[in-house]
């Protein structure tokens, strides 16, 4: 028998605690199972089981070896499953969470659905930091550097943020020339949904000390307030690009260093990458490459 077959028999014996039961499940004789274990122990120069007339139990070496063998067999099974599924068209339900950013999400979703009509999207639209594993998501798109070791990630694209206000607002105030001038303005602040922390502004050391006319956890509301002349805001450039071109918003403090951020695709590290999940991740990378958020 090959090494892999010997490992499979060892794992079965460890799980059934019986040579005869393992032999029955595999359709071989008990002596064949016993000889396989003996050969494995001889090759490893280690005793894997304590044997008695009534039972068998794992030795300390056997317990450590079992953990490694299970991982090996799981990898083999995963590789075989991926090869089998690689010949099938992506299909089935895909549960994803996307940020509340129409300019990104609407064309992304419609384009993906046209390309993969057999994949049914179950979409959660929110800016909060969802628990990907506990809530059963296949994948999510979020900003910020990934920190959760339970997740795999793929960088999708970066963007710059700009300080903007409506001409109607600026006509009634002194246009800020330095970050310190913002202390005299009505600031529309964004807070992170997961932590409640105020997002830093371009060229400003401590955004939490800015005078807040409003604090909100979604940029949709902040953009609307800015367009209506209710204050000054620091927003992703791609979200206000059209308003800047149309003149309904004006950039201020343009000479200050721009604060950046980026979007990432995240999915469970333990999750088998099915054809539908692989299709989604690859499509995201293609979409953001063709539609860069920085406008380049």
C-alpha atoms as a PDB file:
ATOM      1  CA  UNK A   1       0.000   0.000   0.000  1.00  0.00           C
ATOM      2  CA  UNK A   2       1.177   3.555  -0.672  1.00  0.00           C
ATOM      3  CA  UNK A   3       1.976   6.100   1.998  1.00  0.00           C
ATOM      4  CA  UNK A   4      -1.336   7.920   1.523  1.00  0.00           C
ATOM      5  CA  UNK A   5      -3.296   4.691   1.881  1.00  0.00           C
ATOM      6  CA  UNK A   6      -1.393   3.933   5.063  1.00  0.00           C
ATOM      7  CA  UNK A   7      -2.249   7.378   6.429  1.00  0.00           C
ATOM      8  CA  UNK A   8      -5.931   6.890   5.578  1.00  0.00           C
ATOM      9  CA  UNK A   9      -5.984   3.552   7.434  1.00  0.00           C
ATOM     10  CA  UNK A  10      -4.220   5.086  10.438  1.00  0.00           C
ATOM     11  CA  UNK A  11      -6.783   7.908  10.653  1.00  0.00           C
ATOM     12  CA  UNK A  12      -9.670   5.444  10.393  1.00  0.00           C
ATOM     13  CA  UNK A  13      -8.254   3.249  13.148  1.00  0.00           C
ATOM     14  CA  UNK A  14      -7.693   6.314  15.342  1.00  0.00           C
ATOM     15  CA  UNK A  15     -11.310   7.375  14.834  1.00  0.00           C
ATOM     16  CA  UNK A  16     -12.948   3.923  15.193  1.00  0.00           C
ATOM     17  CA  UNK A  17     -10.513   2.690  17.899  1.00  0.00           C
ATOM     18  CA  UNK A  18     -10.836  -0.714  16.238  1.00  0.00           C
ATOM     19  CA  UNK A  19      -8.837  -2.673  13.676  1.00  0.00           C
ATOM     20  CA  UNK A  20     -11.839  -4.895  12.908  1.00  0.00           C
ATOM     21  CA  UNK A  21     -14.244  -1.983  12.394  1.00  0.00           C
ATOM     22  CA  UNK A  22     -11.736  -0.252  10.114  1.00  0.00           C
ATOM     23  CA  UNK A  23     -11.295  -3.499   8.170  1.00  0.00           C
ATOM     24  CA  UNK A  24     -15.074  -3.828   7.824  1.00  0.00           C
ATOM     25  CA  UNK A  25     -15.436  -0.262   6.535  1.00  0.00           C
ATOM     26  CA  UNK A  26     -12.626  -0.722   4.015  1.00  0.00           C
ATOM     27  CA  UNK A  27     -13.609  -4.231   2.936  1.00  0.00           C
ATOM     28  CA  UNK A  28     -10.298  -5.837   3.906  1.00  0.00           C
ATOM     29  CA  UNK A  29      -9.154  -8.250   6.618  1.00  0.00           C
ATOM     30  CA  UNK A  30      -8.229  -7.180  10.141  1.00  0.00           C
ATOM     31  CA  UNK A  31      -4.758  -8.598   9.617  1.00  0.00           C
ATOM     32  CA  UNK A  32      -4.295  -6.328   6.567  1.00  0.00           C
ATOM     33  CA  UNK A  33      -5.159  -3.307   8.712  1.00  0.00           C
ATOM     34  CA  UNK A  34      -2.820  -4.478  11.479  1.00  0.00           C
ATOM     35  CA  UNK A  35       0.048  -5.000   9.026  1.00  0.00           C
ATOM     36  CA  UNK A  36      -0.515  -1.521   7.556  1.00  0.00           C
ATOM     37  CA  UNK A  37      -0.250   0.076  11.010  1.00  0.00           C
ATOM     38  CA  UNK A  38       2.826  -2.028  11.808  1.00  0.00           C
ATOM     39  CA  UNK A  39       4.536  -0.922   8.587  1.00  0.00           C
ATOM     40  CA  UNK A  40       3.696   2.716   9.360  1.00  0.00           C
ATOM     41  CA  UNK A  41       5.091   2.459  12.887  1.00  0.00           C
ATOM     42  CA  UNK A  42       8.223   0.781  11.564  1.00  0.00           C
ATOM     43  CA  UNK A  43       8.752   3.500   8.967  1.00  0.00           C
ATOM     44  CA  UNK A  44       8.236   6.235  11.552  1.00  0.00           C
ATOM     45  CA  UNK A  45      10.203   4.439  14.296  1.00  0.00           C
ATOM     46  CA  UNK A  46       7.390   5.352  16.672  1.00  0.00           C
ATOM     47  CA  UNK A  47       4.543   3.568  18.428  1.00  0.00           C
ATOM     48  CA  UNK A  48       1.222   5.098  17.389  1.00  0.00           C
ATOM     49  CA  UNK A  49      -1.210   2.994  19.441  1.00  0.00           C
ATOM     50  CA  UNK A  50      -1.344   1.299  22.819  1.00  0.00           C
ATOM     51  CA  UNK A  51      -2.927  -2.121  22.196  1.00  0.00           C
ATOM     52  CA  UNK A  52      -4.775  -4.336  24.636  1.00  0.00           C
ATOM     53  CA  UNK A  53      -7.150  -7.269  24.222  1.00  0.00           C
ATOM     54  CA  UNK A  54     -10.121  -4.948  24.734  1.00  0.00           C
ATOM     55  CA  UNK A  55      -9.173  -1.622  23.166  1.00  0.00           C
ATOM     56  CA  UNK A  56      -6.586   0.506  21.443  1.00  0.00           C
ATOM     57  CA  UNK A  57      -5.690   4.103  22.271  1.00  0.00           C
ATOM     58  CA  UNK A  58      -3.393   6.660  20.717  1.00  0.00           C
ATOM     59  CA  UNK A  59       0.038   7.297  22.140  1.00  0.00           C
ATOM     60  CA  UNK A  60       1.216  10.898  22.555  1.00  0.00           C
ATOM     61  CA  UNK A  61       3.170  10.547  19.300  1.00  0.00           C
ATOM     62  CA  UNK A  62       0.124   9.019  17.653  1.00  0.00           C
ATOM     63  CA  UNK A  63      -2.116  11.933  18.722  1.00  0.00           C
ATOM     64  CA  UNK A  64       0.318  14.495  17.269  1.00  0.00           C
ATOM     65  CA  UNK A  65       0.664  12.493  14.069  1.00  0.00           C
ATOM     66  CA  UNK A  66      -3.136  12.231  13.772  1.00  0.00           C
ATOM     67  CA  UNK A  67      -3.508  16.021  13.685  1.00  0.00           C
ATOM     68  CA  UNK A  68      -1.015  16.331  10.827  1.00  0.00           C
ATOM     69  CA  UNK A  69      -2.535  13.404   8.921  1.00  0.00           C
ATOM     70  CA  UNK A  70      -6.019  14.900   9.101  1.00  0.00           C
ATOM     71  CA  UNK A  71      -4.720  18.158   7.629  1.00  0.00           C
ATOM     72  CA  UNK A  72      -2.930  16.262   4.850  1.00  0.00           C
ATOM     73  CA  UNK A  73      -6.053  14.285   3.931  1.00  0.00           C
ATOM     74  CA  UNK A  74      -8.180  17.446   4.037  1.00  0.00           C
ATOM     75  CA  UNK A  75      -5.771  19.151   1.613  1.00  0.00           C
ATOM     76  CA  UNK A  76      -5.888  16.155  -0.736  1.00  0.00           C
ATOM     77  CA  UNK A  77      -9.677  16.118  -0.609  1.00  0.00           C
ATOM     78  CA  UNK A  78      -9.812  19.859  -1.243  1.00  0.00           C
ATOM     79  CA  UNK A  79      -7.441  19.598  -4.209  1.00  0.00           C
ATOM     80  CA  UNK A  80      -9.472  16.777  -5.739  1.00  0.00           C
ATOM     81  CA  UNK A  81     -12.718  18.689  -5.214  1.00  0.00           C
ATOM     82  CA  UNK A  82     -11.272  21.824  -6.838  1.00  0.00           C
ATOM     83  CA  UNK A  83     -10.137  19.832  -9.880  1.00  0.00           C
ATOM     84  CA  UNK A  84     -13.534  18.213 -10.235  1.00  0.00           C
ATOM     85  CA  UNK A  85     -15.382  21.499  -9.832  1.00  0.00           C
ATOM     86  CA  UNK A  86     -13.053  23.386 -12.181  1.00  0.00           C
ATOM     87  CA  UNK A  87     -14.861  21.758 -15.099  1.00  0.00           C
ATOM     88  CA  UNK A  88     -18.266  22.976 -13.952  1.00  0.00           C
ATOM     89  CA  UNK A  89     -19.777  26.391 -14.621  1.00  0.00           C
ATOM     90  CA  UNK A  90     -20.020  28.562 -11.464  1.00  0.00           C
ATOM     91  CA  UNK A  91     -23.484  28.237  -9.954  1.00  0.00           C
ATOM     92  CA  UNK A  92     -25.461  28.343  -6.713  1.00  0.00           C
ATOM     93  CA  UNK A  93     -26.088  30.948  -4.028  1.00  0.00           C
ATOM     94  CA  UNK A  94     -23.347  33.378  -2.999  1.00  0.00           C
ATOM     95  CA  UNK A  95     -23.845  35.393   0.193  1.00  0.00           C
ATOM     96  CA  UNK A  96     -21.897  38.653   0.082  1.00  0.00           C
ATOM     97  CA  UNK A  97     -21.762  41.961   1.964  1.00  0.00           C
ATOM     98  CA  UNK A  98     -21.089  45.190   0.081  1.00  0.00           C
ATOM     99  CA  UNK A  99     -20.595  48.778   1.268  1.00  0.00           C
ATOM    100  CA  UNK A 100     -23.251  51.454   0.753  1.00  0.00           C
ATOM    101  CA  UNK A 101     -21.483  52.994  -2.242  1.00  0.00           C
ATOM    102  CA  UNK A 102     -23.782  53.156  -5.280  1.00  0.00           C
ATOM    103  CA  UNK A 103     -21.072  54.286  -7.687  1.00  0.00           C
ATOM    104  CA  UNK A 104     -19.199  51.023  -7.047  1.00  0.00           C
ATOM    105  CA  UNK A 105     -21.885  48.509  -6.160  1.00  0.00           C
ATOM    106  CA  UNK A 106     -24.544  49.099  -8.817  1.00  0.00           C
ATOM    107  CA  UNK A 107     -22.372  48.530 -11.927  1.00  0.00           C
ATOM    108  CA  UNK A 108     -20.399  45.787 -10.166  1.00  0.00           C
ATOM    109  CA  UNK A 109     -23.474  43.746  -9.252  1.00  0.00           C
ATOM    110  CA  UNK A 110     -25.211  44.128 -12.609  1.00  0.00           C
ATOM    111  CA  UNK A 111     -22.026  43.241 -14.510  1.00  0.00           C
ATOM    112  CA  UNK A 112     -21.398  40.143 -12.394  1.00  0.00           C
ATOM    113  CA  UNK A 113     -24.993  38.939 -12.775  1.00  0.00           C
ATOM    114  CA  UNK A 114     -24.836  39.294 -16.541  1.00  0.00           C
ATOM    115  CA  UNK A 115     -21.622  37.269 -16.712  1.00  0.00           C
ATOM    116  CA  UNK A 116     -22.728  34.563 -14.247  1.00  0.00           C
ATOM    117  CA  UNK A 117     -26.496  34.105 -14.580  1.00  0.00           C
ATOM    118  CA  UNK A 118     -26.400  30.777 -12.705  1.00  0.00           C
ATOM    119  CA  UNK A 119     -25.074  32.392  -9.513  1.00  0.00           C
ATOM    120  CA  UNK A 120     -27.778  33.757  -7.223  1.00  0.00           C
ATOM    121  CA  UNK A 121     -26.486  36.691  -5.171  1.00  0.00           C
ATOM    122  CA  UNK A 122     -27.684  37.136  -1.583  1.00  0.00           C
ATOM    123  CA  UNK A 123     -26.517  40.720  -0.901  1.00  0.00           C
ATOM    124  CA  UNK A 124     -26.228  42.528   2.416  1.00  0.00           C
ATOM    125  CA  UNK A 125     -25.731  46.266   1.898  1.00  0.00           C
ATOM    126  CA  UNK A 126     -24.137  47.873   4.954  1.00  0.00           C
ATOM    127  CA  UNK A 127     -21.141  49.906   6.077  1.00  0.00           C
ATOM    128  CA  UNK A 128     -20.820  48.048   9.391  1.00  0.00           C
ATOM    129  CA  UNK A 129     -17.987  45.574   9.898  1.00  0.00           C
ATOM    130  CA  UNK A 130     -19.853  42.289   9.647  1.00  0.00           C
ATOM    131  CA  UNK A 131     -18.565  39.087  11.265  1.00  0.00           C
ATOM    132  CA  UNK A 132     -17.867  37.206   8.052  1.00  0.00           C
ATOM    133  CA  UNK A 133     -17.553  33.765   9.626  1.00  0.00           C
ATOM    134  CA  UNK A 134     -20.266  33.972  12.299  1.00  0.00           C
ATOM    135  CA  UNK A 135     -22.785  35.498   9.886  1.00  0.00           C
ATOM    136  CA  UNK A 136     -22.030  32.978   7.151  1.00  0.00           C
ATOM    137  CA  UNK A 137     -20.808  35.268   4.372  1.00  0.00           C
ATOM    138  CA  UNK A 138     -18.928  33.812   1.427  1.00  0.00           C
ATOM    139  CA  UNK A 139     -17.140  37.107   0.784  1.00  0.00           C
ATOM    140  CA  UNK A 140     -17.319  40.825   1.596  1.00  0.00           C
ATOM    141  CA  UNK A 141     -15.821  44.082   0.338  1.00  0.00           C
ATOM    142  CA  UNK A 142     -14.503  46.465   2.992  1.00  0.00           C
ATOM    143  CA  UNK A 143     -12.084  49.369   3.399  1.00  0.00           C
ATOM    144  CA  UNK A 144      -9.023  49.350   5.611  1.00  0.00           C
ATOM    145  CA  UNK A 145      -6.147  46.918   6.087  1.00  0.00           C
ATOM    146  CA  UNK A 146      -7.342  43.370   6.979  1.00  0.00           C
ATOM    147  CA  UNK A 147      -6.357  42.327  10.517  1.00  0.00           C
ATOM    148  CA  UNK A 148      -8.366  39.130  11.112  1.00  0.00           C
ATOM    149  CA  UNK A 149      -6.121  36.070  10.775  1.00  0.00           C
ATOM    150  CA  UNK A 150      -9.187  33.909  10.099  1.00  0.00           C
ATOM    151  CA  UNK A 151      -9.668  35.653   6.753  1.00  0.00           C
ATOM    152  CA  UNK A 152      -7.987  35.618   3.385  1.00  0.00           C
ATOM    153  CA  UNK A 153      -7.830  38.903   1.495  1.00  0.00           C
ATOM    154  CA  UNK A 154      -7.161  40.444  -1.896  1.00  0.00           C
ATOM    155  CA  UNK A 155      -6.433  44.129  -2.411  1.00  0.00           C
ATOM    156  CA  UNK A 156      -8.818  45.631  -4.963  1.00  0.00           C
ATOM    157  CA  UNK A 157      -7.815  49.282  -5.277  1.00  0.00           C
ATOM    158  CA  UNK A 158      -6.890  52.453  -3.429  1.00  0.00           C
ATOM    159  CA  UNK A 159      -8.427  55.909  -3.447  1.00  0.00           C
ATOM    160  CA  UNK A 160      -7.769  59.449  -2.186  1.00  0.00           C
ATOM    161  CA  UNK A 161     -10.002  61.606  -0.024  1.00  0.00           C
ATOM    162  CA  UNK A 162     -10.675  65.305  -0.536  1.00  0.00           C
ATOM    163  CA  UNK A 163     -12.122  68.124   1.563  1.00  0.00           C
ATOM    164  CA  UNK A 164     -15.166  69.621  -0.160  1.00  0.00           C
ATOM    165  CA  UNK A 165     -18.039  72.023   0.359  1.00  0.00           C
ATOM    166  CA  UNK A 166     -20.848  73.492  -1.724  1.00  0.00           C
ATOM    167  CA  UNK A 167     -20.298  76.943  -3.292  1.00  0.00           C
ATOM    168  CA  UNK A 168     -23.374  78.150  -1.367  1.00  0.00           C
ATOM    169  CA  UNK A 169     -21.679  77.209   1.907  1.00  0.00           C
ATOM    170  CA  UNK A 170     -18.298  78.731   0.991  1.00  0.00           C
ATOM    171  CA  UNK A 171     -19.938  81.998  -0.128  1.00  0.00           C
ATOM    172  CA  UNK A 172     -21.027  82.585   3.467  1.00  0.00           C
ATOM    173  CA  UNK A 173     -17.715  81.641   5.112  1.00  0.00           C
ATOM    174  CA  UNK A 174     -14.031  82.359   4.782  1.00  0.00           C
ATOM    175  CA  UNK A 175     -12.585  79.600   2.619  1.00  0.00           C
ATOM    176  CA  UNK A 176     -10.144  77.582   4.774  1.00  0.00           C
ATOM    177  CA  UNK A 177      -6.505  77.897   3.725  1.00  0.00           C
ATOM    178  CA  UNK A 178      -4.955  75.752   6.476  1.00  0.00           C
ATOM    179  CA  UNK A 179      -6.277  72.805   8.504  1.00  0.00           C
ATOM    180  CA  UNK A 180      -6.477  75.049  11.585  1.00  0.00           C
ATOM    181  CA  UNK A 181      -9.060  77.185   9.768  1.00  0.00           C
ATOM    182  CA  UNK A 182     -11.521  74.273   9.952  1.00  0.00           C
ATOM    183  CA  UNK A 183     -12.130  75.160  13.590  1.00  0.00           C
ATOM    184  CA  UNK A 184     -14.365  77.985  12.306  1.00  0.00           C
ATOM    185  CA  UNK A 185     -16.456  75.691  10.090  1.00  0.00           C
ATOM    186  CA  UNK A 186     -19.403  73.322  10.354  1.00  0.00           C
ATOM    187  CA  UNK A 187     -17.727  69.940   9.811  1.00  0.00           C
ATOM    188  CA  UNK A 188     -19.611  66.884   8.580  1.00  0.00           C
ATOM    189  CA  UNK A 189     -17.759  63.929  10.131  1.00  0.00           C
ATOM    190  CA  UNK A 190     -17.746  60.243   9.278  1.00  0.00           C
ATOM    191  CA  UNK A 191     -17.463  57.615  12.022  1.00  0.00           C
ATOM    192  CA  UNK A 192     -16.535  53.982  11.486  1.00  0.00           C
ATOM    193  CA  UNK A 193     -19.617  51.781  12.024  1.00  0.00           C
ATOM    194  CA  UNK A 194     -17.681  49.095  13.869  1.00  0.00           C
ATOM    195  CA  UNK A 195     -15.808  51.273  16.361  1.00  0.00           C
ATOM    196  CA  UNK A 196     -17.505  54.662  16.365  1.00  0.00           C
ATOM    197  CA  UNK A 197     -14.088  56.249  15.827  1.00  0.00           C
ATOM    198  CA  UNK A 198     -14.059  59.471  13.807  1.00  0.00           C
ATOM    199  CA  UNK A 199     -12.281  59.093  10.469  1.00  0.00           C
ATOM    200  CA  UNK A 200      -9.237  61.358  10.137  1.00  0.00           C
ATOM    201  CA  UNK A 201      -9.290  64.225   7.641  1.00  0.00           C
ATOM    202  CA  UNK A 202      -6.691  65.213   5.087  1.00  0.00           C
ATOM    203  CA  UNK A 203      -3.921  67.269   6.712  1.00  0.00           C
ATOM    204  CA  UNK A 204      -5.637  67.231  10.110  1.00  0.00           C
ATOM    205  CA  UNK A 205      -3.898  65.589  13.052  1.00  0.00           C
ATOM    206  CA  UNK A 206      -6.930  64.920  15.249  1.00  0.00           C
ATOM    207  CA  UNK A 207     -10.251  64.788  13.402  1.00  0.00           C
ATOM    208  CA  UNK A 208     -12.078  64.153  16.693  1.00  0.00           C
ATOM    209  CA  UNK A 209     -11.366  67.780  17.688  1.00  0.00           C
ATOM    210  CA  UNK A 210     -13.052  69.236  14.622  1.00  0.00           C
ATOM    211  CA  UNK A 211     -16.281  71.129  15.350  1.00  0.00           C
ATOM    212  CA  UNK A 212     -19.002  68.689  14.366  1.00  0.00           C
ATOM    213  CA  UNK A 213     -22.182  69.901  12.716  1.00  0.00           C
ATOM    214  CA  UNK A 214     -23.030  66.223  12.128  1.00  0.00           C
ATOM    215  CA  UNK A 215     -21.500  62.794  12.718  1.00  0.00           C
ATOM    216  CA  UNK A 216     -22.699  59.909  10.555  1.00  0.00           C
ATOM    217  CA  UNK A 217     -21.633  56.330   9.819  1.00  0.00           C
ATOM    218  CA  UNK A 218     -22.411  56.468   6.099  1.00  0.00           C
ATOM    219  CA  UNK A 219     -21.078  58.854   3.462  1.00  0.00           C
ATOM    220  CA  UNK A 220     -24.418  58.942   1.636  1.00  0.00           C
ATOM    221  CA  UNK A 221     -25.915  61.270   4.233  1.00  0.00           C
ATOM    222  CA  UNK A 222     -22.723  63.344   4.512  1.00  0.00           C
ATOM    223  CA  UNK A 223     -22.614  63.923   0.747  1.00  0.00           C
ATOM    224  CA  UNK A 224     -26.253  65.021   0.696  1.00  0.00           C
ATOM    225  CA  UNK A 225     -25.649  67.441   3.582  1.00  0.00           C
ATOM    226  CA  UNK A 226     -22.574  68.866   1.831  1.00  0.00           C
ATOM    227  CA  UNK A 227     -24.485  69.328  -1.436  1.00  0.00           C
ATOM    228  CA  UNK A 228     -27.165  71.231   0.469  1.00  0.00           C
ATOM    229  CA  UNK A 229     -24.605  73.673   1.849  1.00  0.00           C
ATOM    230  CA  UNK A 230     -24.843  72.451   5.431  1.00  0.00           C
ATOM    231  CA  UNK A 231     -21.135  72.033   6.072  1.00  0.00           C
ATOM    232  CA  UNK A 232     -17.699  70.981   4.913  1.00  0.00           C
ATOM    233  CA  UNK A 233     -16.717  67.314   4.533  1.00  0.00           C
ATOM    234  CA  UNK A 234     -13.783  65.012   3.799  1.00  0.00           C
ATOM    235  CA  UNK A 235     -14.915  62.339   1.349  1.00  0.00           C
ATOM    236  CA  UNK A 236     -13.537  59.748  -1.090  1.00  0.00           C
ATOM    237  CA  UNK A 237     -12.715  61.554  -4.321  1.00  0.00           C
ATOM    238  CA  UNK A 238     -14.473  58.971  -6.484  1.00  0.00           C
ATOM    239  CA  UNK A 239     -17.745  59.533  -4.590  1.00  0.00           C
ATOM    240  CA  UNK A 240     -17.761  63.279  -5.246  1.00  0.00           C
ATOM    241  CA  UNK A 241     -15.963  63.310  -8.615  1.00  0.00           C
ATOM    242  CA  UNK A 242     -19.110  64.065 -10.603  1.00  0.00           C
ATOM    243  CA  UNK A 243     -20.191  66.797  -8.179  1.00  0.00           C
ATOM    244  CA  UNK A 244     -16.740  68.404  -8.492  1.00  0.00           C
ATOM    245  CA  UNK A 245     -16.960  68.290 -12.291  1.00  0.00           C
ATOM    246  CA  UNK A 246     -20.461  69.811 -12.225  1.00  0.00           C
ATOM    247  CA  UNK A 247     -19.425  72.478  -9.719  1.00  0.00           C
ATOM    248  CA  UNK A 248     -22.016  71.512  -7.108  1.00  0.00           C
ATOM    249  CA  UNK A 249     -19.083  70.834  -4.754  1.00  0.00           C
ATOM    250  CA  UNK A 250     -15.733  72.632  -4.554  1.00  0.00           C
ATOM    251  CA  UNK A 251     -12.474  71.189  -3.263  1.00  0.00           C
ATOM    252  CA  UNK A 252     -10.684  73.132  -0.533  1.00  0.00           C
ATOM    253  CA  UNK A 253      -7.289  72.584   1.120  1.00  0.00           C
ATOM    254  CA  UNK A 254      -6.190  70.972  -2.138  1.00  0.00           C
ATOM    255  CA  UNK A 255      -2.549  71.720  -1.296  1.00  0.00           C
ATOM    256  CA  UNK A 256      -2.664  69.512   1.798  1.00  0.00           C
ATOM    257  CA  UNK A 257      -1.403  65.895   1.644  1.00  0.00           C
ATOM    258  CA  UNK A 258      -4.238  63.621   0.592  1.00  0.00           C
ATOM    259  CA  UNK A 259      -5.377  60.903   2.968  1.00  0.00           C
ATOM    260  CA  UNK A 260      -5.792  57.544   1.275  1.00  0.00           C
ATOM    261  CA  UNK A 261      -7.599  54.275   1.857  1.00  0.00           C
ATOM    262  CA  UNK A 262      -8.429  51.147  -0.101  1.00  0.00           C
ATOM    263  CA  UNK A 263     -10.910  48.352  -0.690  1.00  0.00           C
ATOM    264  CA  UNK A 264     -10.269  44.672   0.012  1.00  0.00           C
ATOM    265  CA  UNK A 265     -12.108  41.465  -0.784  1.00  0.00           C
ATOM    266  CA  UNK A 266     -12.286  39.246   2.312  1.00  0.00           C
ATOM    267  CA  UNK A 267     -13.404  35.639   2.698  1.00  0.00           C
ATOM    268  CA  UNK A 268     -12.970  32.875   5.332  1.00  0.00           C
ATOM    269  CA  UNK A 269      -9.513  31.284   5.226  1.00  0.00           C
ATOM    270  CA  UNK A 270     -11.049  27.933   6.120  1.00  0.00           C
ATOM    271  CA  UNK A 271     -13.629  28.097   3.353  1.00  0.00           C
ATOM    272  CA  UNK A 272     -13.184  25.918   0.274  1.00  0.00           C
ATOM    273  CA  UNK A 273     -12.822  28.254  -2.709  1.00  0.00           C
ATOM    274  CA  UNK A 274     -15.683  27.014  -4.855  1.00  0.00           C
ATOM    275  CA  UNK A 275     -16.012  27.990  -8.523  1.00  0.00           C
ATOM    276  CA  UNK A 276     -18.688  30.574  -7.614  1.00  0.00           C
ATOM    277  CA  UNK A 277     -16.468  32.180  -4.953  1.00  0.00           C
ATOM    278  CA  UNK A 278     -13.419  32.118  -7.235  1.00  0.00           C
ATOM    279  CA  UNK A 279     -15.504  33.689 -10.022  1.00  0.00           C
ATOM    280  CA  UNK A 280     -16.601  36.497  -7.686  1.00  0.00           C
ATOM    281  CA  UNK A 281     -13.106  37.246  -6.362  1.00  0.00           C
ATOM    282  CA  UNK A 282     -11.593  37.236  -9.864  1.00  0.00           C
ATOM    283  CA  UNK A 283     -14.417  39.429 -11.156  1.00  0.00           C
ATOM    284  CA  UNK A 284     -13.808  41.951  -8.369  1.00  0.00           C
ATOM    285  CA  UNK A 285     -10.116  42.167  -9.267  1.00  0.00           C
ATOM    286  CA  UNK A 286     -10.973  42.641 -12.945  1.00  0.00           C
ATOM    287  CA  UNK A 287     -13.675  45.231 -12.196  1.00  0.00           C
ATOM    288  CA  UNK A 288     -11.479  47.405  -9.983  1.00  0.00           C
ATOM    289  CA  UNK A 289      -8.581  47.141 -12.456  1.00  0.00           C
ATOM    290  CA  UNK A 290     -10.817  48.427 -15.244  1.00  0.00           C
ATOM    291  CA  UNK A 291     -12.528  51.026 -13.032  1.00  0.00           C
ATOM    292  CA  UNK A 292      -9.789  52.422 -10.748  1.00  0.00           C
ATOM    293  CA  UNK A 293     -11.138  54.507  -7.907  1.00  0.00           C
ATOM    294  CA  UNK A 294      -8.324  57.034  -8.207  1.00  0.00           C
ATOM    295  CA  UNK A 295      -9.517  57.874 -11.723  1.00  0.00           C
ATOM    296  CA  UNK A 296      -6.203  56.995 -13.375  1.00  0.00           C
END
